[in-house]
């Protein structure tokens, strides 16, 4: 199962952004999703850096690994592994 979160509409709303990221991570764990695709968009790259920092700070140890899409640098893949 793959979940997807597009941040284009909420990129400038700090609290909503954090709530959306926390929500998709919680949903992934509840549904045992293998992959979450987060789309911060291309832009200046600041939102992508913010997302990566947020995940590292709040969810390290929850996800298996994070992959930055080589073909589309406006996407981040969060991989999960379950026992």
N, C-alpha and C. Protein backbone atom coordinates (compact mmCIF):
# COMPACT_ATOMS: atom_id res chain seq x y z
N UNK A 1 0.84 -1.17 0.00
CA UNK A 1 0.00 0.00 0.00
C UNK A 1 0.89 1.25 0.00
N UNK A 2 0.46 2.22 -0.78
CA UNK A 2 1.21 3.48 -0.90
C UNK A 2 0.26 4.62 -0.55
N UNK A 3 0.73 5.54 0.27
CA UNK A 3 -0.02 6.75 0.60
C UNK A 3 0.68 7.94 -0.03
N UNK A 4 -0.08 9.00 -0.26
CA UNK A 4 0.47 10.16 -0.96
C UNK A 4 0.02 11.44 -0.26
N UNK A 5 0.93 12.39 -0.10
CA UNK A 5 0.63 13.69 0.48
C UNK A 5 1.21 14.77 -0.40
N UNK A 6 0.34 15.61 -0.95
CA UNK A 6 0.77 16.72 -1.80
C UNK A 6 0.70 18.00 -0.97
N UNK A 7 1.83 18.67 -0.84
CA UNK A 7 1.90 19.86 0.01
C UNK A 7 1.73 21.18 -0.74
N UNK A 8 1.41 21.13 -2.01
CA UNK A 8 1.30 22.35 -2.81
C UNK A 8 0.32 23.37 -2.23
N UNK A 9 -0.82 22.90 -1.72
CA UNK A 9 -1.85 23.83 -1.26
C UNK A 9 -1.61 24.39 0.14
N UNK A 10 -0.73 23.74 0.91
CA UNK A 10 -0.56 24.17 2.30
C UNK A 10 0.88 24.55 2.65
N UNK A 11 1.72 24.73 1.64
CA UNK A 11 3.15 24.93 1.89
C UNK A 11 3.45 26.13 2.77
N UNK A 12 2.59 27.13 2.79
CA UNK A 12 2.89 28.34 3.57
C UNK A 12 2.18 28.37 4.92
N UNK A 13 1.49 27.30 5.27
CA UNK A 13 0.75 27.26 6.54
C UNK A 13 1.46 26.30 7.49
N UNK A 14 2.35 26.84 8.33
CA UNK A 14 3.20 26.05 9.20
C UNK A 14 2.51 24.97 10.01
N UNK A 15 1.48 25.35 10.78
CA UNK A 15 0.79 24.38 11.64
C UNK A 15 0.10 23.30 10.81
N UNK A 16 -0.57 23.72 9.76
CA UNK A 16 -1.29 22.76 8.90
C UNK A 16 -0.30 21.80 8.23
N UNK A 17 0.85 22.32 7.87
CA UNK A 17 1.90 21.53 7.25
C UNK A 17 2.37 20.43 8.21
N UNK A 18 2.66 20.82 9.45
CA UNK A 18 3.09 19.84 10.45
C UNK A 18 2.00 18.82 10.74
N UNK A 19 0.76 19.28 10.83
CA UNK A 19 -0.36 18.37 11.09
C UNK A 19 -0.52 17.37 9.96
N UNK A 20 -0.37 17.84 8.73
CA UNK A 20 -0.50 16.95 7.56
C UNK A 20 0.60 15.90 7.54
N UNK A 21 1.84 16.32 7.82
CA UNK A 21 2.95 15.38 7.85
C UNK A 21 2.78 14.36 8.97
N UNK A 22 2.40 14.84 10.16
CA UNK A 22 2.19 13.93 11.29
C UNK A 22 1.04 12.97 10.97
N UNK A 23 -0.01 13.49 10.34
CA UNK A 23 -1.17 12.67 10.00
C UNK A 23 -0.85 11.56 9.01
N UNK A 24 -0.07 11.87 7.98
CA UNK A 24 0.25 10.85 6.97
C UNK A 24 1.19 9.80 7.57
N UNK A 25 2.08 10.22 8.46
CA UNK A 25 2.97 9.25 9.11
C UNK A 25 2.18 8.33 10.04
N UNK A 26 1.22 8.87 10.75
CA UNK A 26 0.38 8.06 11.63
C UNK A 26 -0.47 7.10 10.81
N UNK A 27 -1.07 7.61 9.73
CA UNK A 27 -1.89 6.76 8.87
C UNK A 27 -1.06 5.62 8.27
N UNK A 28 0.16 5.92 7.88
CA UNK A 28 1.04 4.89 7.31
C UNK A 28 1.28 3.78 8.32
N UNK A 29 1.52 4.16 9.56
CA UNK A 29 1.77 3.16 10.60
C UNK A 29 0.52 2.34 10.90
N UNK A 30 -0.63 3.02 10.98
CA UNK A 30 -1.88 2.32 11.28
C UNK A 30 -2.25 1.32 10.18
N UNK A 31 -2.04 1.72 8.94
CA UNK A 31 -2.41 0.88 7.80
C UNK A 31 -1.27 -0.03 7.36
N UNK A 32 -0.12 0.09 8.03
CA UNK A 32 1.07 -0.69 7.67
C UNK A 32 1.45 -0.47 6.20
N UNK A 33 1.38 0.79 5.78
CA UNK A 33 1.76 1.16 4.41
C UNK A 33 3.26 0.95 4.24
N UNK A 34 3.65 0.48 3.08
CA UNK A 34 5.07 0.26 2.79
C UNK A 34 5.76 1.54 2.33
N UNK A 35 4.95 2.48 1.77
CA UNK A 35 5.53 3.66 1.14
C UNK A 35 4.62 4.86 1.30
N UNK A 36 5.22 6.00 1.62
CA UNK A 36 4.52 7.28 1.62
C UNK A 36 5.26 8.18 0.64
N UNK A 37 4.52 8.73 -0.30
CA UNK A 37 5.09 9.69 -1.25
C UNK A 37 4.67 11.08 -0.80
N UNK A 38 5.66 11.93 -0.53
CA UNK A 38 5.39 13.31 -0.12
C UNK A 38 5.86 14.22 -1.25
N UNK A 39 4.98 15.12 -1.66
CA UNK A 39 5.29 16.02 -2.77
C UNK A 39 5.38 17.45 -2.26
N UNK A 40 6.60 17.90 -1.95
CA UNK A 40 6.76 19.29 -1.54
C UNK A 40 6.81 20.24 -2.75
N UNK A 41 6.99 19.70 -3.93
CA UNK A 41 7.11 20.52 -5.13
C UNK A 41 8.56 20.93 -5.35
N UNK A 42 8.83 21.49 -6.47
CA UNK A 42 10.21 21.83 -6.82
C UNK A 42 10.63 23.14 -6.18
N UNK A 43 10.01 24.23 -6.50
CA UNK A 43 10.29 25.52 -5.86
C UNK A 43 11.75 25.77 -5.56
N UNK A 44 12.00 26.41 -4.42
CA UNK A 44 13.36 26.76 -4.03
C UNK A 44 14.07 25.63 -3.30
N UNK A 45 13.33 24.62 -2.91
CA UNK A 45 13.92 23.50 -2.17
C UNK A 45 13.79 23.66 -0.67
N UNK A 46 13.31 24.81 -0.20
CA UNK A 46 13.18 25.05 1.24
C UNK A 46 12.15 24.13 1.89
N UNK A 47 11.03 23.91 1.20
CA UNK A 47 9.98 23.05 1.76
C UNK A 47 10.47 21.60 1.84
N UNK A 48 11.20 21.17 0.84
CA UNK A 48 11.75 19.81 0.86
C UNK A 48 12.70 19.64 2.04
N UNK A 49 13.56 20.62 2.27
CA UNK A 49 14.48 20.57 3.40
C UNK A 49 13.72 20.55 4.72
N UNK A 50 12.66 21.34 4.79
CA UNK A 50 11.82 21.39 5.99
C UNK A 50 11.21 20.01 6.26
N UNK A 51 10.66 19.38 5.23
CA UNK A 51 10.04 18.06 5.37
C UNK A 51 11.07 17.04 5.84
N UNK A 52 12.25 17.03 5.24
CA UNK A 52 13.30 16.09 5.63
C UNK A 52 13.72 16.30 7.08
N UNK A 53 13.86 17.56 7.50
CA UNK A 53 14.22 17.85 8.90
C UNK A 53 13.11 17.40 9.85
N UNK A 54 11.86 17.67 9.47
CA UNK A 54 10.71 17.28 10.29
C UNK A 54 10.67 15.77 10.50
N UNK A 55 10.85 15.02 9.42
CA UNK A 55 10.82 13.57 9.51
C UNK A 55 11.98 13.05 10.36
N UNK A 56 13.15 13.60 10.16
CA UNK A 56 14.33 13.17 10.90
C UNK A 56 14.16 13.45 12.41
N UNK A 57 13.64 14.61 12.72
CA UNK A 57 13.48 15.03 14.11
C UNK A 57 12.38 14.24 14.83
N UNK A 58 11.25 14.03 14.16
CA UNK A 58 10.07 13.48 14.81
C UNK A 58 9.81 12.00 14.56
N UNK A 59 10.40 11.44 13.51
CA UNK A 59 10.04 10.07 13.13
C UNK A 59 11.24 9.16 12.89
N UNK A 60 12.40 9.58 13.28
CA UNK A 60 13.58 8.72 13.12
C UNK A 60 13.32 7.42 13.88
N UNK A 61 13.56 6.30 13.24
CA UNK A 61 13.30 5.01 13.86
C UNK A 61 11.93 4.46 13.53
N UNK A 62 11.04 5.32 13.04
CA UNK A 62 9.70 4.87 12.65
C UNK A 62 9.74 4.37 11.21
N UNK A 63 10.37 5.13 10.34
CA UNK A 63 10.50 4.73 8.94
C UNK A 63 11.79 3.94 8.75
N UNK A 64 11.84 3.20 7.66
CA UNK A 64 13.04 2.41 7.35
C UNK A 64 14.09 3.29 6.66
N UNK A 65 13.66 4.02 5.63
CA UNK A 65 14.59 4.91 4.94
C UNK A 65 13.82 5.96 4.16
N UNK A 66 14.52 7.03 3.80
CA UNK A 66 13.95 8.10 2.97
C UNK A 66 14.72 8.14 1.67
N UNK A 67 13.98 8.26 0.59
CA UNK A 67 14.58 8.31 -0.74
C UNK A 67 14.13 9.59 -1.43
N UNK A 68 15.09 10.30 -1.98
CA UNK A 68 14.77 11.48 -2.79
C UNK A 68 14.71 11.02 -4.24
N UNK A 69 13.63 11.33 -4.92
CA UNK A 69 13.44 10.89 -6.29
C UNK A 69 14.49 11.52 -7.22
N UNK A 70 15.29 10.69 -7.85
CA UNK A 70 16.34 11.18 -8.76
C UNK A 70 15.76 11.83 -10.01
N UNK A 71 14.63 11.34 -10.46
CA UNK A 71 14.05 11.84 -11.72
C UNK A 71 13.17 13.07 -11.52
N UNK A 72 12.65 13.23 -10.30
CA UNK A 72 11.78 14.37 -10.00
C UNK A 72 12.13 14.84 -8.59
N UNK A 73 12.97 15.86 -8.48
CA UNK A 73 13.45 16.27 -7.17
C UNK A 73 12.39 16.97 -6.33
N UNK A 74 11.16 17.02 -6.80
CA UNK A 74 10.04 17.56 -6.03
C UNK A 74 9.29 16.48 -5.29
N UNK A 75 9.87 15.29 -5.18
CA UNK A 75 9.20 14.17 -4.48
C UNK A 75 10.15 13.51 -3.48
N UNK A 76 9.55 13.06 -2.38
CA UNK A 76 10.28 12.32 -1.35
C UNK A 76 9.51 11.03 -1.10
N UNK A 77 10.22 9.93 -1.00
CA UNK A 77 9.59 8.65 -0.68
C UNK A 77 10.05 8.22 0.71
N UNK A 78 9.09 7.88 1.56
CA UNK A 78 9.39 7.39 2.89
C UNK A 78 9.03 5.90 2.90
N UNK A 79 10.03 5.07 3.12
CA UNK A 79 9.83 3.61 3.09
C UNK A 79 9.70 3.08 4.52
N UNK A 80 8.79 2.12 4.67
CA UNK A 80 8.56 1.49 5.97
C UNK A 80 8.81 0.00 5.85
N UNK A 81 9.24 -0.60 6.96
CA UNK A 81 9.44 -2.05 7.02
C UNK A 81 8.78 -2.52 8.32
N UNK A 82 7.95 -3.52 8.22
CA UNK A 82 7.25 -4.04 9.40
C UNK A 82 7.63 -5.46 9.67
N UNK A 83 7.58 -5.85 10.94
CA UNK A 83 7.89 -7.21 11.35
C UNK A 83 6.71 -8.12 11.15
